[in-house]
Amino acid sequence: MVDRLKGSKVVGIKQTTKAVKNGDVKAVYICKDVDLKLVEPLKRLANEKSLKIIEIDTRKELGALCGIDVGASVAATLL
């Protein structure tokens, strides 16, 4: 399990999708407890770009990994 996302990162579906489109992402983190309709386009895009997708159990856990006090559905580490 990841202790904390190190380095530069983006949090949220819009910011992560933008970073993936720009080719700025190393890995994408997606919560398992998020509605699939919300994250499916991002998953497809990440797969097209051959990015590593890491699933995290809860939004609260991903928020903590990102160093924020609220939950996060999606995040990405940047190059």
PDB file of N, CA and C in Angstrom:
ATOM      1  N   MET A   1       0.836  -1.190   0.000  1.00  0.00           N
ATOM      2  CA  MET A   1       0.000   0.000   0.000  1.00  0.00           C
ATOM      3  C   MET A   1       0.874   1.244   0.000  1.00  0.00           C
ATOM      4  N   VAL A   2       0.416   2.265  -0.611  1.00  0.00           N
ATOM      5  CA  VAL A   2       1.127   3.534  -0.698  1.00  0.00           C
ATOM      6  C   VAL A   2       0.925   4.307   0.603  1.00  0.00           C
ATOM      7  N   ASP A   3       2.007   4.878   1.166  1.00  0.00           N
ATOM      8  CA  ASP A   3       1.897   5.669   2.387  1.00  0.00           C
ATOM      9  C   ASP A   3       1.396   7.081   2.101  1.00  0.00           C
ATOM     10  N   ARG A   4       1.950   7.689   1.088  1.00  0.00           N
ATOM     11  CA  ARG A   4       1.626   9.066   0.718  1.00  0.00           C
ATOM     12  C   ARG A   4       2.058   9.272  -0.725  1.00  0.00           C
ATOM     13  N   LEU A   5       1.287   9.975  -1.499  1.00  0.00           N
ATOM     14  CA  LEU A   5       1.678  10.259  -2.875  1.00  0.00           C
ATOM     15  C   LEU A   5       2.792  11.295  -2.845  1.00  0.00           C
ATOM     16  N   LYS A   6       3.940  10.944  -3.365  1.00  0.00           N
ATOM     17  CA  LYS A   6       5.101  11.823  -3.318  1.00  0.00           C
ATOM     18  C   LYS A   6       5.201  12.655  -4.595  1.00  0.00           C
ATOM     19  N   GLY A   7       5.789  13.824  -4.463  1.00  0.00           N
ATOM     20  CA  GLY A   7       6.007  14.680  -5.617  1.00  0.00           C
ATOM     21  C   GLY A   7       4.759  15.447  -6.019  1.00  0.00           C
ATOM     22  N   SER A   8       4.793  15.959  -7.225  1.00  0.00           N
ATOM     23  CA  SER A   8       3.668  16.751  -7.737  1.00  0.00           C
ATOM     24  C   SER A   8       2.494  15.845  -8.056  1.00  0.00           C
ATOM     25  N   LYS A   9       1.309  16.360  -7.798  1.00  0.00           N
ATOM     26  CA  LYS A   9       0.101  15.572  -8.057  1.00  0.00           C
ATOM     27  C   LYS A   9      -1.054  16.500  -8.381  1.00  0.00           C
ATOM     28  N   VAL A  10      -2.077  15.917  -8.960  1.00  0.00           N
ATOM     29  CA  VAL A  10      -3.344  16.606  -9.164  1.00  0.00           C
ATOM     30  C   VAL A  10      -4.425  15.760  -8.519  1.00  0.00           C
ATOM     31  N   VAL A  11      -5.489  16.432  -8.074  1.00  0.00           N
ATOM     32  CA  VAL A  11      -6.583  15.745  -7.399  1.00  0.00           C
ATOM     33  C   VAL A  11      -7.893  16.154  -8.061  1.00  0.00           C
ATOM     34  N   GLY A  12      -8.749  15.173  -8.305  1.00  0.00           N
ATOM     35  CA  GLY A  12     -10.047  15.436  -8.899  1.00  0.00           C
ATOM     36  C   GLY A  12     -10.128  14.942 -10.325  1.00  0.00           C
ATOM     37  N   ILE A  13     -11.344  14.665 -10.762  1.00  0.00           N
ATOM     38  CA  ILE A  13     -11.551  14.084 -12.084  1.00  0.00           C
ATOM     39  C   ILE A  13     -11.150  15.051 -13.195  1.00  0.00           C
ATOM     40  N   LYS A  14     -11.578  16.303 -13.107  1.00  0.00           N
ATOM     41  CA  LYS A  14     -11.269  17.266 -14.174  1.00  0.00           C
ATOM     42  C   LYS A  14      -9.770  17.517 -14.302  1.00  0.00           C
ATOM     43  N   GLN A  15      -9.101  17.762 -13.170  1.00  0.00           N
ATOM     44  CA  GLN A  15      -7.671  18.060 -13.201  1.00  0.00           C
ATOM     45  C   GLN A  15      -6.864  16.843 -13.658  1.00  0.00           C
ATOM     46  N   THR A  16      -7.267  15.661 -13.212  1.00  0.00           N
ATOM     47  CA  THR A  16      -6.550  14.447 -13.594  1.00  0.00           C
ATOM     48  C   THR A  16      -6.740  14.159 -15.080  1.00  0.00           C
ATOM     49  N   THR A  17      -7.953  14.315 -15.580  1.00  0.00           N
ATOM     50  CA  THR A  17      -8.214  14.088 -17.001  1.00  0.00           C
ATOM     51  C   THR A  17      -7.390  15.049 -17.853  1.00  0.00           C
ATOM     52  N   LYS A  18      -7.343  16.304 -17.455  1.00  0.00           N
ATOM     53  CA  LYS A  18      -6.556  17.301 -18.192  1.00  0.00           C
ATOM     54  C   LYS A  18      -5.077  16.925 -18.212  1.00  0.00           C
ATOM     55  N   ALA A  19      -4.543  16.509 -17.068  1.00  0.00           N
ATOM     56  CA  ALA A  19      -3.132  16.134 -16.988  1.00  0.00           C
ATOM     57  C   ALA A  19      -2.836  14.899 -17.835  1.00  0.00           C
ATOM     58  N   VAL A  20      -3.754  13.931 -17.848  1.00  0.00           N
ATOM     59  CA  VAL A  20      -3.569  12.733 -18.674  1.00  0.00           C
ATOM     60  C   VAL A  20      -3.550  13.117 -20.153  1.00  0.00           C
ATOM     61  N   LYS A  21      -4.485  13.973 -20.570  1.00  0.00           N
ATOM     62  CA  LYS A  21      -4.533  14.420 -21.964  1.00  0.00           C
ATOM     63  C   LYS A  21      -3.257  15.143 -22.366  1.00  0.00           C
ATOM     64  N   ASN A  22      -2.659  15.883 -21.427  1.00  0.00           N
ATOM     65  CA  ASN A  22      -1.435  16.633 -21.710  1.00  0.00           C
ATOM     66  C   ASN A  22      -0.179  15.765 -21.649  1.00  0.00           C
ATOM     67  N   GLY A  23      -0.317  14.512 -21.217  1.00  0.00           N
ATOM     68  CA  GLY A  23       0.837  13.619 -21.134  1.00  0.00           C
ATOM     69  C   GLY A  23       1.724  13.891 -19.941  1.00  0.00           C
ATOM     70  N   ASP A  24       1.165  14.446 -18.859  1.00  0.00           N
ATOM     71  CA  ASP A  24       1.943  14.835 -17.694  1.00  0.00           C
ATOM     72  C   ASP A  24       1.879  13.844 -16.536  1.00  0.00           C
ATOM     73  N   VAL A  25       1.297  12.653 -16.734  1.00  0.00           N
ATOM     74  CA  VAL A  25       0.979  11.759 -15.622  1.00  0.00           C
ATOM     75  C   VAL A  25       1.845  10.505 -15.617  1.00  0.00           C
ATOM     76  N   LYS A  26       2.279  10.110 -14.402  1.00  0.00           N
ATOM     77  CA  LYS A  26       2.976   8.829 -14.204  1.00  0.00           C
ATOM     78  C   LYS A  26       1.994   7.720 -13.882  1.00  0.00           C
ATOM     79  N   ALA A  27       1.086   7.990 -12.937  1.00  0.00           N
ATOM     80  CA  ALA A  27       0.123   6.977 -12.482  1.00  0.00           C
ATOM     81  C   ALA A  27      -1.177   7.649 -12.079  1.00  0.00           C
ATOM     82  N   VAL A  28      -2.273   6.918 -12.265  1.00  0.00           N
ATOM     83  CA  VAL A  28      -3.605   7.402 -11.913  1.00  0.00           C
ATOM     84  C   VAL A  28      -4.129   6.573 -10.745  1.00  0.00           C
ATOM     85  N   TYR A  29      -4.694   7.256  -9.756  1.00  0.00           N
ATOM     86  CA  TYR A  29      -5.278   6.601  -8.575  1.00  0.00           C
ATOM     87  C   TYR A  29      -6.785   6.822  -8.629  1.00  0.00           C
ATOM     88  N   ILE A  30      -7.539   5.728  -8.593  1.00  0.00           N
ATOM     89  CA  ILE A  30      -8.992   5.800  -8.676  1.00  0.00           C
ATOM     90  C   ILE A  30      -9.586   5.013  -7.514  1.00  0.00           C
ATOM     91  N   CYS A  31     -10.582   5.604  -6.863  1.00  0.00           N
ATOM     92  CA  CYS A  31     -11.246   4.934  -5.740  1.00  0.00           C
ATOM     93  C   CYS A  31     -12.221   3.882  -6.236  1.00  0.00           C
ATOM     94  N   LYS A  32     -12.312   2.811  -5.485  1.00  0.00           N
ATOM     95  CA  LYS A  32     -13.250   1.737  -5.811  1.00  0.00           C
ATOM     96  C   LYS A  32     -14.687   2.126  -5.464  1.00  0.00           C
ATOM     97  N   ASP A  33     -14.860   3.096  -4.547  1.00  0.00           N
ATOM     98  CA  ASP A  33     -16.210   3.451  -4.100  1.00  0.00           C
ATOM     99  C   ASP A  33     -16.809   4.648  -4.846  1.00  0.00           C
ATOM    100  N   VAL A  34     -16.344   4.881  -6.065  1.00  0.00           N
ATOM    101  CA  VAL A  34     -16.849   5.977  -6.893  1.00  0.00           C
ATOM    102  C   VAL A  34     -17.743   5.391  -7.980  1.00  0.00           C
ATOM    103  N   ASP A  35     -18.799   6.111  -8.329  1.00  0.00           N
ATOM    104  CA  ASP A  35     -19.700   5.676  -9.389  1.00  0.00           C
ATOM    105  C   ASP A  35     -18.909   5.463 -10.681  1.00  0.00           C
ATOM    106  N   LEU A  36     -19.033   4.296 -11.245  1.00  0.00           N
ATOM    107  CA  LEU A  36     -18.287   3.928 -12.444  1.00  0.00           C
ATOM    108  C   LEU A  36     -18.533   4.884 -13.605  1.00  0.00           C
ATOM    109  N   LYS A  37     -19.745   5.430 -13.712  1.00  0.00           N
ATOM    110  CA  LYS A  37     -20.054   6.366 -14.798  1.00  0.00           C
ATOM    111  C   LYS A  37     -19.159   7.598 -14.743  1.00  0.00           C
ATOM    112  N   LEU A  38     -18.750   7.987 -13.549  1.00  0.00           N
ATOM    113  CA  LEU A  38     -17.914   9.183 -13.400  1.00  0.00           C
ATOM    114  C   LEU A  38     -16.468   8.944 -13.824  1.00  0.00           C
ATOM    115  N   VAL A  39     -15.952   7.759 -13.548  1.00  0.00           N
ATOM    116  CA  VAL A  39     -14.528   7.518 -13.787  1.00  0.00           C
ATOM    117  C   VAL A  39     -14.230   6.686 -15.028  1.00  0.00           C
ATOM    118  N   GLU A  40     -15.239   6.104 -15.638  1.00  0.00           N
ATOM    119  CA  GLU A  40     -14.998   5.248 -16.813  1.00  0.00           C
ATOM    120  C   GLU A  40     -14.287   5.986 -17.948  1.00  0.00           C
ATOM    121  N   PRO A  41     -14.683   7.219 -18.306  1.00  0.00           N
ATOM    122  CA  PRO A  41     -13.949   7.918 -19.376  1.00  0.00           C
ATOM    123  C   PRO A  41     -12.472   8.127 -19.027  1.00  0.00           C
ATOM    124  N   LEU A  42     -12.188   8.440 -17.777  1.00  0.00           N
ATOM    125  CA  LEU A  42     -10.799   8.623 -17.354  1.00  0.00           C
ATOM    126  C   LEU A  42     -10.039   7.300 -17.405  1.00  0.00           C
ATOM    127  N   LYS A  43     -10.677   6.210 -16.990  1.00  0.00           N
ATOM    128  CA  LYS A  43     -10.033   4.895 -17.060  1.00  0.00           C
ATOM    129  C   LYS A  43      -9.684   4.535 -18.497  1.00  0.00           C
ATOM    130  N   ARG A  44     -10.616   4.769 -19.402  1.00  0.00           N
ATOM    131  CA  ARG A  44     -10.361   4.472 -20.817  1.00  0.00           C
ATOM    132  C   ARG A  44      -9.185   5.296 -21.335  1.00  0.00           C
ATOM    133  N   LEU A  45      -9.178   6.583 -21.013  1.00  0.00           N
ATOM    134  CA  LEU A  45      -8.109   7.470 -21.458  1.00  0.00           C
ATOM    135  C   LEU A  45      -6.755   7.027 -20.894  1.00  0.00           C
ATOM    136  N   ALA A  46      -6.732   6.679 -19.623  1.00  0.00           N
ATOM    137  CA  ALA A  46      -5.487   6.216 -18.997  1.00  0.00           C
ATOM    138  C   ALA A  46      -4.995   4.929 -19.644  1.00  0.00           C
ATOM    139  N   ASN A  47      -5.915   4.023 -19.965  1.00  0.00           N
ATOM    140  CA  ASN A  47      -5.533   2.779 -20.636  1.00  0.00           C
ATOM    141  C   ASN A  47      -4.989   3.052 -22.033  1.00  0.00           C
ATOM    142  N   GLU A  48      -5.605   3.990 -22.755  1.00  0.00           N
ATOM    143  CA  GLU A  48      -5.124   4.363 -24.086  1.00  0.00           C
ATOM    144  C   GLU A  48      -3.704   4.903 -24.031  1.00  0.00           C
ATOM    145  N   LYS A  49      -3.391   5.625 -22.950  1.00  0.00           N
ATOM    146  CA  LYS A  49      -2.054   6.219 -22.785  1.00  0.00           C
ATOM    147  C   LYS A  49      -1.086   5.245 -22.100  1.00  0.00           C
ATOM    148  N   SER A  50      -1.546   4.015 -21.822  1.00  0.00           N
ATOM    149  CA  SER A  50      -0.739   2.974 -21.160  1.00  0.00           C
ATOM    150  C   SER A  50      -0.230   3.417 -19.795  1.00  0.00           C
ATOM    151  N   LEU A  51      -1.090   4.093 -19.048  1.00  0.00           N
ATOM    152  CA  LEU A  51      -0.724   4.549 -17.709  1.00  0.00           C
ATOM    153  C   LEU A  51      -1.098   3.497 -16.673  1.00  0.00           C
ATOM    154  N   LYS A  52      -0.329   3.468 -15.617  1.00  0.00           N
ATOM    155  CA  LYS A  52      -0.617   2.574 -14.504  1.00  0.00           C
ATOM    156  C   LYS A  52      -1.823   3.122 -13.737  1.00  0.00           C
ATOM    157  N   ILE A  53      -2.824   2.264 -13.501  1.00  0.00           N
ATOM    158  CA  ILE A  53      -3.998   2.643 -12.719  1.00  0.00           C
ATOM    159  C   ILE A  53      -3.950   1.880 -11.401  1.00  0.00           C
ATOM    160  N   ILE A  54      -3.977   2.634 -10.310  1.00  0.00           N
ATOM    161  CA  ILE A  54      -3.934   2.042  -8.976  1.00  0.00           C
ATOM    162  C   ILE A  54      -5.271   2.286  -8.310  1.00  0.00           C
ATOM    163  N   GLU A  55      -5.895   1.206  -7.857  1.00  0.00           N
ATOM    164  CA  GLU A  55      -7.195   1.340  -7.203  1.00  0.00           C
ATOM    165  C   GLU A  55      -7.016   1.476  -5.700  1.00  0.00           C
ATOM    166  N   ILE A  56      -7.715   2.434  -5.124  1.00  0.00           N
ATOM    167  CA  ILE A  56      -7.702   2.701  -3.689  1.00  0.00           C
ATOM    168  C   ILE A  56      -9.102   2.388  -3.165  1.00  0.00           C
ATOM    169  N   ASP A  57      -9.193   1.823  -1.972  1.00  0.00           N
ATOM    170  CA  ASP A  57     -10.475   1.352  -1.447  1.00  0.00           C
ATOM    171  C   ASP A  57     -11.516   2.455  -1.250  1.00  0.00           C
ATOM    172  N   THR A  58     -11.134   3.567  -0.608  1.00  0.00           N
ATOM    173  CA  THR A  58     -12.122   4.593  -0.288  1.00  0.00           C
ATOM    174  C   THR A  58     -11.634   5.986  -0.669  1.00  0.00           C
ATOM    175  N   ARG A  59     -12.583   6.893  -0.830  1.00  0.00           N
ATOM    176  CA  ARG A  59     -12.245   8.296  -1.122  1.00  0.00           C
ATOM    177  C   ARG A  59     -11.501   8.928   0.049  1.00  0.00           C
ATOM    178  N   LYS A  60     -11.897   8.574   1.249  1.00  0.00           N
ATOM    179  CA  LYS A  60     -11.226   9.106   2.433  1.00  0.00           C
ATOM    180  C   LYS A  60      -9.754   8.701   2.453  1.00  0.00           C
ATOM    181  N   GLU A  61      -9.494   7.449   2.110  1.00  0.00           N
ATOM    182  CA  GLU A  61      -8.118   6.955   2.072  1.00  0.00           C
ATOM    183  C   GLU A  61      -7.299   7.684   1.007  1.00  0.00           C
ATOM    184  N   LEU A  62      -7.884   7.896  -0.168  1.00  0.00           N
ATOM    185  CA  LEU A  62      -7.159   8.614  -1.225  1.00  0.00           C
ATOM    186  C   LEU A  62      -6.918  10.058  -0.829  1.00  0.00           C
ATOM    187  N   GLY A  63      -7.896  10.688  -0.187  1.00  0.00           N
ATOM    188  CA  GLY A  63      -7.691  12.051   0.297  1.00  0.00           C
ATOM    189  C   GLY A  63      -6.515  12.120   1.257  1.00  0.00           C
ATOM    190  N   ALA A  64      -6.432  11.162   2.163  1.00  0.00           N
ATOM    191  CA  ALA A  64      -5.312  11.122   3.108  1.00  0.00           C
ATOM    192  C   ALA A  64      -3.985  10.911   2.385  1.00  0.00           C
ATOM    193  N   LEU A  65      -3.976  10.059   1.364  1.00  0.00           N
ATOM    194  CA  LEU A  65      -2.755   9.839   0.584  1.00  0.00           C
ATOM    195  C   LEU A  65      -2.301  11.111  -0.122  1.00  0.00           C
ATOM    196  N   CYS A  66      -3.271  11.949  -0.475  1.00  0.00           N
ATOM    197  CA  CYS A  66      -2.967  13.211  -1.160  1.00  0.00           C
ATOM    198  C   CYS A  66      -2.627  14.332  -0.179  1.00  0.00           C
ATOM    199  N   GLY A  67      -2.801  14.069   1.114  1.00  0.00           N
ATOM    200  CA  GLY A  67      -2.503  15.089   2.115  1.00  0.00           C
ATOM    201  C   GLY A  67      -3.595  16.125   2.262  1.00  0.00           C
ATOM    202  N   ILE A  68      -4.844  15.754   1.943  1.00  0.00           N
ATOM    203  CA  ILE A  68      -5.958  16.677   2.113  1.00  0.00           C
ATOM    204  C   ILE A  68      -6.932  16.102   3.134  1.00  0.00           C
ATOM    205  N   ASP A  69      -7.727  16.963   3.734  1.00  0.00           N
ATOM    206  CA  ASP A  69      -8.629  16.561   4.808  1.00  0.00           C
ATOM    207  C   ASP A  69      -9.999  16.091   4.324  1.00  0.00           C
ATOM    208  N   VAL A  70     -10.215  16.064   3.031  1.00  0.00           N
ATOM    209  CA  VAL A  70     -11.483  15.603   2.472  1.00  0.00           C
ATOM    210  C   VAL A  70     -11.212  14.414   1.553  1.00  0.00           C
ATOM    211  N   GLY A  71     -12.262  13.722   1.189  1.00  0.00           N
ATOM    212  CA  GLY A  71     -12.104  12.585   0.296  1.00  0.00           C
ATOM    213  C   GLY A  71     -11.793  13.023  -1.126  1.00  0.00           C
ATOM    214  N   ALA A  72     -11.184  12.125  -1.876  1.00  0.00           N
ATOM    215  CA  ALA A  72     -10.865  12.379  -3.280  1.00  0.00           C
ATOM    216  C   ALA A  72     -11.255  11.154  -4.097  1.00  0.00           C
ATOM    217  N   SER A  73     -11.912  11.358  -5.214  1.00  0.00           N
ATOM    218  CA  SER A  73     -12.325  10.253  -6.070  1.00  0.00           C
ATOM    219  C   SER A  73     -11.183   9.772  -6.952  1.00  0.00           C
ATOM    220  N   VAL A  74     -10.384  10.728  -7.424  1.00  0.00           N
ATOM    221  CA  VAL A  74      -9.335  10.446  -8.398  1.00  0.00           C
ATOM    222  C   VAL A  74      -8.150  11.357  -8.104  1.00  0.00           C
ATOM    223  N   ALA A  75      -6.953  10.840  -8.352  1.00  0.00           N
ATOM    224  CA  ALA A  75      -5.738  11.658  -8.256  1.00  0.00           C
ATOM    225  C   ALA A  75      -4.714  11.080  -9.222  1.00  0.00           C
ATOM    226  N   ALA A  76      -3.661  11.837  -9.464  1.00  0.00           N
ATOM    227  CA  ALA A  76      -2.592  11.357 -10.334  1.00  0.00           C
ATOM    228  C   ALA A  76      -1.271  11.963  -9.905  1.00  0.00           C
ATOM    229  N   THR A  77      -0.214  11.189 -10.025  1.00  0.00           N
ATOM    230  CA  THR A  77       1.136  11.714  -9.813  1.00  0.00           C
ATOM    231  C   THR A  77       1.664  12.200 -11.149  1.00  0.00           C
ATOM    232  N   LEU A  78       2.361  13.314 -11.104  1.00  0.00           N
ATOM    233  CA  LEU A  78       2.837  13.963 -12.328  1.00  0.00           C
ATOM    234  C   LEU A  78       4.299  13.642 -12.607  1.00  0.00           C
ATOM    235  N   LEU A  79       4.668  13.735 -13.872  1.00  0.00           N
ATOM    236  CA  LEU A  79       6.058  13.504 -14.277  1.00  0.00           C
ATOM    237  C   LEU A  79       6.958  14.589 -13.740  1.00  0.00           C
TER     238      LEU A  79
END
